[in-house]
Amino acid sequence: MNFEIRTFLEQSNRIEGWGPQGMRGSMHAWDFLRRQRNMTEFIVLETHRLLMRNWDIEAAGKFRTQEVKKREYGSFVPWEAVPLCLNLWLNVIGEIRDRRIEDKDRLCESCHIHFQKIYPFERGTGVVGRMLWNWQRMCVFNLPPKIIWESEKQDYYQIFYDENRFKY
């Protein structure tokens, strides 16, 4: 695993308050995700399962079944709507990869914001979301990884409140 990927995973875990013990699951999840050519519901759930299997075996790889209490990302879709909203998001992700896009960086950020607003998991959504963001950046558009430093966490959370960044 190269230095940039390891740094991205470490910083992503730190944003969530996870220490070094979270790296094993993050590395397994990223190793699985980076080999995928297309994004599906199964791949999102499997990425979450691999990430969370040592943390929360009951919730690993399963959509949330209650409302979200966190507020870092603003408001979220109701838990009952998560599967539908995720599948709509997946349809957009699939269509985007086949188009000529000028501002790929901005597009990837907007897709990340939409995923986080769905907030599909009770735990681990942030780390999975940042993995999917980097999967899209690196594997779809051949961009470098996006590293969100723990020290920039509050700036990162602000992107979820900026309506101009919320557009595809």
Protein backbone atom coordinates (compact mmCIF):
# COMPACT_ATOMS: atom_id res chain seq x y z
CA MET A 1 0.00 0.00 0.00
CA ASN A 2 1.53 3.31 -1.02
CA PHE A 3 2.14 6.23 1.32
CA GLU A 4 -0.71 8.42 0.01
CA ILE A 5 -3.32 5.67 0.43
CA ARG A 6 -2.08 4.76 3.90
CA THR A 7 -2.14 8.45 4.88
CA PHE A 8 -5.65 8.92 3.47
CA LEU A 9 -6.91 5.89 5.44
CA GLU A 10 -5.15 6.91 8.67
CA GLN A 11 -6.49 10.47 8.49
CA SER A 12 -9.98 9.27 7.59
CA ASN A 13 -9.98 7.01 10.65
CA ARG A 14 -8.71 9.82 12.86
CA ILE A 15 -11.56 12.08 11.74
CA GLU A 16 -13.89 9.47 13.22
CA GLY A 17 -11.83 9.19 16.39
CA TRP A 18 -10.56 5.74 15.46
CA GLY A 19 -7.00 4.94 16.44
CA PRO A 20 -4.50 2.59 14.79
CA GLN A 21 -6.75 -0.40 15.57
CA GLY A 22 -9.06 0.73 12.74
CA MET A 23 -6.39 0.45 10.07
CA ARG A 24 -6.69 -3.29 9.50
CA GLY A 25 -10.36 -3.06 8.55
CA SER A 26 -9.74 0.09 6.52
CA MET A 27 -6.96 -1.57 4.55
CA HIS A 28 -9.09 -4.67 3.85
CA ALA A 29 -12.03 -2.51 2.78
CA TRP A 30 -9.87 -0.31 0.53
CA ASP A 31 -8.12 -3.32 -1.01
CA PHE A 32 -11.52 -4.75 -1.94
CA LEU A 33 -12.93 -1.43 -3.16
CA ARG A 34 -9.99 -0.37 -5.34
CA ARG A 35 -10.39 -3.54 -7.44
CA GLN A 36 -14.00 -2.76 -8.40
CA ARG A 37 -14.80 -1.47 -11.88
CA ASN A 38 -18.39 -0.41 -11.17
CA MET A 39 -20.24 0.60 -8.03
CA THR A 40 -23.20 -1.43 -6.78
CA GLU A 41 -25.18 -1.73 -3.57
CA PHE A 42 -23.38 -4.99 -2.84
CA ILE A 43 -19.98 -3.29 -3.17
CA VAL A 44 -20.99 -0.45 -0.83
CA LEU A 45 -22.32 -2.94 1.74
CA GLU A 46 -19.29 -5.23 1.42
CA THR A 47 -16.91 -2.29 1.84
CA HIS A 48 -18.76 -1.40 5.04
CA ARG A 49 -18.73 -5.01 6.22
CA LEU A 50 -14.98 -5.33 5.72
CA LEU A 51 -14.38 -2.01 7.45
CA MET A 52 -16.61 -2.74 10.44
CA ARG A 53 -16.23 -6.48 10.97
CA ASN A 54 -13.88 -6.00 13.93
CA TRP A 55 -15.84 -3.06 15.39
CA ASP A 56 -19.54 -3.79 15.16
CA ILE A 57 -20.30 -7.27 13.86
CA GLU A 58 -24.08 -6.80 14.13
CA ALA A 59 -24.22 -3.67 11.97
CA ALA A 60 -21.35 -4.53 9.60
CA GLY A 61 -22.54 -4.47 6.00
CA LYS A 62 -26.11 -3.46 6.88
CA PHE A 63 -28.07 -0.27 6.35
CA ARG A 64 -29.02 1.75 9.42
CA THR A 65 -32.38 1.01 11.03
CA GLN A 66 -32.84 4.22 12.99
CA GLU A 67 -32.54 7.95 12.57
CA VAL A 68 -29.11 9.60 12.72
CA LYS A 69 -28.17 11.54 15.81
CA LYS A 70 -24.94 13.09 14.46
CA ARG A 71 -25.05 16.61 13.09
CA GLU A 72 -21.69 17.04 11.37
CA TYR A 73 -23.30 16.61 7.96
CA GLY A 74 -26.57 18.46 8.58
CA SER A 75 -29.81 16.62 7.85
CA PHE A 76 -30.16 13.11 6.45
CA VAL A 77 -32.71 11.01 4.64
CA PRO A 78 -35.04 8.96 6.89
CA TRP A 79 -33.67 5.49 7.56
CA GLU A 80 -36.52 3.84 5.64
CA ALA A 81 -35.45 5.71 2.49
CA VAL A 82 -31.76 4.71 2.64
CA PRO A 83 -31.92 1.77 0.16
CA LEU A 84 -33.90 3.80 -2.40
CA CYS A 85 -31.71 6.90 -2.06
CA LEU A 86 -28.52 4.85 -2.27
CA ASN A 87 -29.73 3.17 -5.45
CA LEU A 88 -30.56 6.56 -6.97
CA TRP A 89 -27.04 7.70 -6.02
CA LEU A 90 -25.57 4.55 -7.59
CA ASN A 91 -27.48 5.27 -10.83
CA VAL A 92 -25.95 8.75 -10.97
CA ILE A 93 -22.47 7.37 -10.24
CA GLY A 94 -22.90 4.88 -13.09
CA GLU A 95 -24.05 7.52 -15.55
CA ILE A 96 -21.29 9.96 -14.62
CA ARG A 97 -18.44 7.60 -15.41
CA ASP A 98 -19.52 7.46 -19.06
CA ARG A 99 -19.63 11.24 -19.59
CA ARG A 100 -16.99 13.79 -20.43
CA ILE A 101 -16.74 15.93 -17.34
CA GLU A 102 -14.82 19.19 -17.11
CA ASP A 103 -14.44 19.57 -13.34
CA LYS A 104 -13.97 16.00 -12.14
CA ASP A 105 -12.67 17.09 -8.73
CA ARG A 106 -15.82 19.10 -8.01
CA LEU A 107 -18.04 16.33 -9.33
CA CYS A 108 -16.41 13.75 -7.04
CA GLU A 109 -16.82 16.08 -4.07
CA SER A 110 -20.50 16.60 -4.88
CA CYS A 111 -21.06 12.83 -5.16
CA HIS A 112 -19.37 12.44 -1.76
CA ILE A 113 -21.65 15.07 -0.22
CA HIS A 114 -24.73 13.28 -1.59
CA PHE A 115 -23.55 9.94 -0.19
CA GLN A 116 -22.96 11.45 3.25
CA LYS A 117 -26.42 13.04 3.19
CA ILE A 118 -27.90 9.56 2.66
CA TYR A 119 -25.88 8.40 5.68
CA PRO A 120 -26.55 4.70 5.05
CA PHE A 121 -24.86 3.24 8.14
CA GLU A 122 -25.18 3.72 11.88
CA ARG A 123 -21.40 3.67 12.19
CA GLY A 124 -18.65 3.95 9.61
CA THR A 125 -20.48 6.09 7.05
CA GLY A 126 -17.79 8.78 7.10
CA VAL A 127 -14.91 6.38 6.45
CA VAL A 128 -16.84 4.46 3.78
CA GLY A 129 -17.90 7.74 2.17
CA ARG A 130 -14.33 8.99 1.96
CA MET A 131 -13.27 5.63 0.52
CA LEU A 132 -15.96 5.88 -2.16
CA TRP A 133 -14.88 9.47 -2.86
CA ASN A 134 -11.32 8.29 -3.45
CA TRP A 135 -12.46 5.26 -5.42
CA GLN A 136 -14.28 7.61 -7.79
CA ARG A 137 -11.33 10.02 -7.93
CA MET A 138 -8.67 7.38 -8.49
CA CYS A 139 -10.37 4.44 -10.19
CA VAL A 140 -12.91 6.28 -12.35
CA PHE A 141 -11.26 9.62 -13.16
CA ASN A 142 -7.56 8.90 -12.55
CA LEU A 143 -7.20 11.76 -10.06
CA PRO A 144 -4.88 11.66 -7.03
CA PRO A 145 -6.34 10.63 -3.68
CA LYS A 146 -8.06 13.28 -1.60
CA ILE A 147 -6.61 13.36 1.89
CA ILE A 148 -8.73 15.09 4.52
CA TRP A 149 -6.42 15.78 7.45
CA GLU A 150 -7.79 15.34 10.94
CA SER A 151 -6.63 18.90 11.71
CA GLU A 152 -8.92 20.14 8.88
CA LYS A 153 -11.97 18.20 10.09
CA GLN A 154 -14.10 21.28 10.79
CA ASP A 155 -13.38 22.73 7.33
CA TYR A 156 -14.30 19.35 5.85
CA TYR A 157 -17.64 19.32 7.71
CA GLN A 158 -18.45 22.76 6.31
CA ILE A 159 -18.69 21.41 2.75
CA PHE A 160 -21.92 19.68 3.78
CA TYR A 161 -23.57 23.02 4.51
CA ASP A 162 -22.52 24.85 1.33
CA GLU A 163 -25.43 24.49 -1.09
CA ASN A 164 -23.24 25.43 -4.09
CA ARG A 165 -21.14 22.32 -3.52
CA PHE A 166 -24.20 20.10 -3.43
CA LYS A 167 -24.72 20.02 -7.20
CA TYR A 168 -23.61 17.39 -9.72
